[in-house]
Amino acid sequence: MRVRPRSTASLACAFIAAALLLTGCGGGDKKESADKPAADTTKLAPLPKVAPDQVKPLVGRWVAQQAQDYFQFKPDGTGVWIKQSRTLWSGTAIPEGKGKFRFSWEGGDPQTSSYWGVEIADGGAKLTFAGTNQTYTKAKA
């Protein structure tokens, strides 16, 4: 007996559908899964209020020597990281003390220092971004 390719394809589809049904994939109540938060969702704390005097050493433009990127910070603590006219990060610099600042992430405060922040050194003339270990110098106004 000869099996036509079309019926083989139908049989394969039926087999896959049955396998998905038995393993619990591809079915079920979608509303139920939408109500549950994802297991890997990280909750971030709300952004703290940043006073201008807390970020004063950070305010201005910080330029990298080799790379074509820079950080720009305003007196309210908001800032951007730009490389070749492309925004790589925008958010708020959160003071940690002793010249260290962590960056907000997705609108929240990660509450821990990490590679996503900067440290000011050399009397306020140098800024080091922990993410790349790149050093930036403060541009003259």
C-alpha atoms as a PDB file:
ATOM      1  CA  MET A   1       0.000   0.000   0.000  1.00  0.00           C
ATOM      2  CA  ARG A   2       1.315   3.396  -0.955  1.00  0.00           C
ATOM      3  CA  VAL A   3       0.965   6.365   1.442  1.00  0.00           C
ATOM      4  CA  ARG A   4       0.501   9.743  -0.104  1.00  0.00           C
ATOM      5  CA  PRO A   5       2.733  12.555   1.261  1.00  0.00           C
ATOM      6  CA  ARG A   6      -0.308  14.595   2.140  1.00  0.00           C
ATOM      7  CA  SER A   7      -1.666  12.004   4.548  1.00  0.00           C
ATOM      8  CA  THR A   8       1.804  11.595   6.098  1.00  0.00           C
ATOM      9  CA  ALA A   9       1.904  15.310   6.812  1.00  0.00           C
ATOM     10  CA  SER A  10      -1.537  15.154   8.413  1.00  0.00           C
ATOM     11  CA  LEU A  11      -0.440  12.224  10.552  1.00  0.00           C
ATOM     12  CA  ALA A  12       2.690  14.117  11.652  1.00  0.00           C
ATOM     13  CA  CYS A  13       0.604  17.161  12.615  1.00  0.00           C
ATOM     14  CA  ALA A  14      -1.768  14.992  14.610  1.00  0.00           C
ATOM     15  CA  PHE A  15       1.161  13.357  16.397  1.00  0.00           C
ATOM     16  CA  ILE A  16       2.702  16.751  17.310  1.00  0.00           C
ATOM     17  CA  ALA A  17      -0.658  18.078  18.530  1.00  0.00           C
ATOM     18  CA  ALA A  18      -1.118  15.000  20.711  1.00  0.00           C
ATOM     19  CA  ALA A  19       2.399  15.354  22.133  1.00  0.00           C
ATOM     20  CA  LEU A  20       1.766  19.006  22.978  1.00  0.00           C
ATOM     21  CA  LEU A  21      -1.531  18.149  24.614  1.00  0.00           C
ATOM     22  CA  LEU A  22       0.069  15.412  26.729  1.00  0.00           C
ATOM     23  CA  THR A  23       2.955  17.620  27.848  1.00  0.00           C
ATOM     24  CA  GLY A  24       0.691  20.540  28.682  1.00  0.00           C
ATOM     25  CA  CYS A  25       2.075  22.866  26.011  1.00  0.00           C
ATOM     26  CA  GLY A  26       0.008  24.929  23.676  1.00  0.00           C
ATOM     27  CA  GLY A  27      -3.241  24.801  25.538  1.00  0.00           C
ATOM     28  CA  GLY A  28      -4.938  25.680  28.733  1.00  0.00           C
ATOM     29  CA  ASP A  29      -6.563  28.805  30.012  1.00  0.00           C
ATOM     30  CA  LYS A  30      -4.559  31.822  28.821  1.00  0.00           C
ATOM     31  CA  LYS A  31      -6.178  34.123  31.393  1.00  0.00           C
ATOM     32  CA  GLU A  32      -4.778  31.993  34.191  1.00  0.00           C
ATOM     33  CA  SER A  33      -1.190  32.290  32.939  1.00  0.00           C
ATOM     34  CA  ALA A  34      -1.561  36.031  32.269  1.00  0.00           C
ATOM     35  CA  ASP A  35      -2.566  36.670  35.899  1.00  0.00           C
ATOM     36  CA  LYS A  36       0.593  35.038  37.251  1.00  0.00           C
ATOM     37  CA  PRO A  37       3.780  37.122  37.258  1.00  0.00           C
ATOM     38  CA  ALA A  38       6.786  35.680  35.506  1.00  0.00           C
ATOM     39  CA  ALA A  39       9.084  33.725  37.787  1.00  0.00           C
ATOM     40  CA  ASP A  40      12.125  35.797  36.831  1.00  0.00           C
ATOM     41  CA  THR A  41      10.481  39.201  37.290  1.00  0.00           C
ATOM     42  CA  THR A  42      12.641  41.434  39.463  1.00  0.00           C
ATOM     43  CA  LYS A  43      10.922  44.093  41.499  1.00  0.00           C
ATOM     44  CA  LEU A  44      12.802  47.352  41.694  1.00  0.00           C
ATOM     45  CA  ALA A  45      12.400  49.876  44.462  1.00  0.00           C
ATOM     46  CA  PRO A  46      10.988  53.282  43.554  1.00  0.00           C
ATOM     47  CA  LEU A  47      13.524  55.979  42.715  1.00  0.00           C
ATOM     48  CA  PRO A  48      14.643  58.027  45.698  1.00  0.00           C
ATOM     49  CA  LYS A  49      14.375  61.804  45.648  1.00  0.00           C
ATOM     50  CA  VAL A  50      17.731  63.169  44.528  1.00  0.00           C
ATOM     51  CA  ALA A  51      18.750  66.616  45.751  1.00  0.00           C
ATOM     52  CA  PRO A  52      20.886  68.820  43.465  1.00  0.00           C
ATOM     53  CA  ASP A  53      23.683  69.031  46.072  1.00  0.00           C
ATOM     54  CA  GLN A  54      23.947  65.204  46.091  1.00  0.00           C
ATOM     55  CA  VAL A  55      24.726  65.049  42.359  1.00  0.00           C
ATOM     56  CA  LYS A  56      26.567  68.357  41.968  1.00  0.00           C
ATOM     57  CA  PRO A  57      29.969  66.683  41.310  1.00  0.00           C
ATOM     58  CA  LEU A  58      28.367  64.614  38.542  1.00  0.00           C
ATOM     59  CA  VAL A  59      26.645  67.456  36.663  1.00  0.00           C
ATOM     60  CA  GLY A  60      27.999  68.161  33.191  1.00  0.00           C
ATOM     61  CA  ARG A  61      29.401  66.234  30.248  1.00  0.00           C
ATOM     62  CA  TRP A  62      31.939  63.447  30.721  1.00  0.00           C
ATOM     63  CA  VAL A  63      33.829  62.461  27.585  1.00  0.00           C
ATOM     64  CA  ALA A  64      35.806  59.275  26.884  1.00  0.00           C
ATOM     65  CA  GLN A  65      39.234  59.658  25.297  1.00  0.00           C
ATOM     66  CA  GLN A  66      39.324  56.615  22.986  1.00  0.00           C
ATOM     67  CA  ALA A  67      35.667  55.772  22.547  1.00  0.00           C
ATOM     68  CA  GLN A  68      33.179  58.106  20.906  1.00  0.00           C
ATOM     69  CA  ASP A  69      30.786  58.200  23.812  1.00  0.00           C
ATOM     70  CA  TYR A  70      29.911  60.455  26.700  1.00  0.00           C
ATOM     71  CA  PHE A  71      27.729  60.814  29.780  1.00  0.00           C
ATOM     72  CA  GLN A  72      25.670  63.955  30.363  1.00  0.00           C
ATOM     73  CA  PHE A  73      24.089  64.682  33.761  1.00  0.00           C
ATOM     74  CA  LYS A  74      21.693  67.440  34.842  1.00  0.00           C
ATOM     75  CA  PRO A  75      21.354  69.027  38.331  1.00  0.00           C
ATOM     76  CA  ASP A  76      18.253  66.907  39.065  1.00  0.00           C
ATOM     77  CA  GLY A  77      20.292  63.697  38.700  1.00  0.00           C
ATOM     78  CA  THR A  78      18.909  62.648  35.334  1.00  0.00           C
ATOM     79  CA  GLY A  79      21.398  61.632  32.733  1.00  0.00           C
ATOM     80  CA  VAL A  80      22.146  59.908  29.453  1.00  0.00           C
ATOM     81  CA  TRP A  81      24.915  57.801  28.000  1.00  0.00           C
ATOM     82  CA  ILE A  82      25.402  58.499  24.293  1.00  0.00           C
ATOM     83  CA  LYS A  83      27.585  56.690  21.762  1.00  0.00           C
ATOM     84  CA  GLN A  84      27.667  57.766  18.118  1.00  0.00           C
ATOM     85  CA  SER A  85      24.379  59.687  18.471  1.00  0.00           C
ATOM     86  CA  ARG A  86      22.666  56.645  20.001  1.00  0.00           C
ATOM     87  CA  THR A  87      21.289  56.633  23.551  1.00  0.00           C
ATOM     88  CA  LEU A  88      22.611  53.599  25.415  1.00  0.00           C
ATOM     89  CA  TRP A  89      21.089  54.536  28.770  1.00  0.00           C
ATOM     90  CA  SER A  90      18.877  57.266  30.170  1.00  0.00           C
ATOM     91  CA  GLY A  91      17.671  57.546  33.711  1.00  0.00           C
ATOM     92  CA  THR A  92      18.705  58.801  37.120  1.00  0.00           C
ATOM     93  CA  ALA A  93      22.024  58.705  38.927  1.00  0.00           C
ATOM     94  CA  ILE A  94      21.413  57.660  42.520  1.00  0.00           C
ATOM     95  CA  PRO A  95      24.046  58.829  45.053  1.00  0.00           C
ATOM     96  CA  GLU A  96      25.714  56.108  47.113  1.00  0.00           C
ATOM     97  CA  GLY A  97      28.256  58.337  48.863  1.00  0.00           C
ATOM     98  CA  LYS A  98      32.031  58.792  48.538  1.00  0.00           C
ATOM     99  CA  GLY A  99      31.798  59.799  44.868  1.00  0.00           C
ATOM    100  CA  LYS A 100      29.855  56.696  43.807  1.00  0.00           C
ATOM    101  CA  PHE A 101      26.540  56.701  41.940  1.00  0.00           C
ATOM    102  CA  ARG A 102      24.411  53.782  40.781  1.00  0.00           C
ATOM    103  CA  PHE A 103      22.101  54.106  37.800  1.00  0.00           C
ATOM    104  CA  SER A 104      18.369  53.571  37.736  1.00  0.00           C
ATOM    105  CA  TRP A 105      17.183  50.655  35.656  1.00  0.00           C
ATOM    106  CA  GLU A 106      13.828  50.425  33.871  1.00  0.00           C
ATOM    107  CA  GLY A 107      12.500  53.311  35.954  1.00  0.00           C
ATOM    108  CA  GLY A 108      13.400  51.808  39.327  1.00  0.00           C
ATOM    109  CA  ASP A 109      16.217  51.686  41.841  1.00  0.00           C
ATOM    110  CA  PRO A 110      18.210  48.426  41.887  1.00  0.00           C
ATOM    111  CA  GLN A 111      19.323  49.395  45.457  1.00  0.00           C
ATOM    112  CA  THR A 112      22.697  47.720  45.088  1.00  0.00           C
ATOM    113  CA  SER A 113      25.911  48.991  43.682  1.00  0.00           C
ATOM    114  CA  SER A 114      26.939  47.087  40.628  1.00  0.00           C
ATOM    115  CA  TYR A 115      28.652  47.463  37.323  1.00  0.00           C
ATOM    116  CA  TRP A 116      25.808  49.819  36.351  1.00  0.00           C
ATOM    117  CA  GLY A 117      27.168  52.966  37.929  1.00  0.00           C
ATOM    118  CA  VAL A 118      30.069  55.398  38.097  1.00  0.00           C
ATOM    119  CA  GLU A 119      32.695  56.656  40.510  1.00  0.00           C
ATOM    120  CA  ILE A 120      34.222  60.128  40.498  1.00  0.00           C
ATOM    121  CA  ALA A 121      37.924  60.455  41.347  1.00  0.00           C
ATOM    122  CA  ASP A 122      40.891  62.812  41.019  1.00  0.00           C
ATOM    123  CA  GLY A 123      39.152  65.698  42.747  1.00  0.00           C
ATOM    124  CA  GLY A 124      36.145  65.524  40.434  1.00  0.00           C
ATOM    125  CA  ALA A 125      38.143  65.457  37.165  1.00  0.00           C
ATOM    126  CA  LYS A 126      37.731  61.763  36.291  1.00  0.00           C
ATOM    127  CA  LEU A 127      34.701  59.504  36.138  1.00  0.00           C
ATOM    128  CA  THR A 128      34.983  55.724  35.784  1.00  0.00           C
ATOM    129  CA  PHE A 129      32.048  53.715  34.454  1.00  0.00           C
ATOM    130  CA  ALA A 130      32.069  50.343  36.196  1.00  0.00           C
ATOM    131  CA  GLY A 131      30.335  48.581  33.288  1.00  0.00           C
ATOM    132  CA  THR A 132      33.277  49.020  30.927  1.00  0.00           C
ATOM    133  CA  ASN A 133      35.977  50.266  33.314  1.00  0.00           C
ATOM    134  CA  GLN A 134      36.257  53.206  30.888  1.00  0.00           C
ATOM    135  CA  THR A 135      37.532  56.510  32.264  1.00  0.00           C
ATOM    136  CA  TYR A 136      35.906  59.798  31.239  1.00  0.00           C
ATOM    137  CA  THR A 137      37.094  63.348  31.811  1.00  0.00           C
ATOM    138  CA  LYS A 138      34.871  66.285  32.588  1.00  0.00           C
ATOM    139  CA  ALA A 139      34.397  68.559  29.574  1.00  0.00           C
ATOM    140  CA  LYS A 140      34.894  72.242  30.100  1.00  0.00           C
ATOM    141  CA  ALA A 141      31.672  74.242  30.142  1.00  0.00           C
END
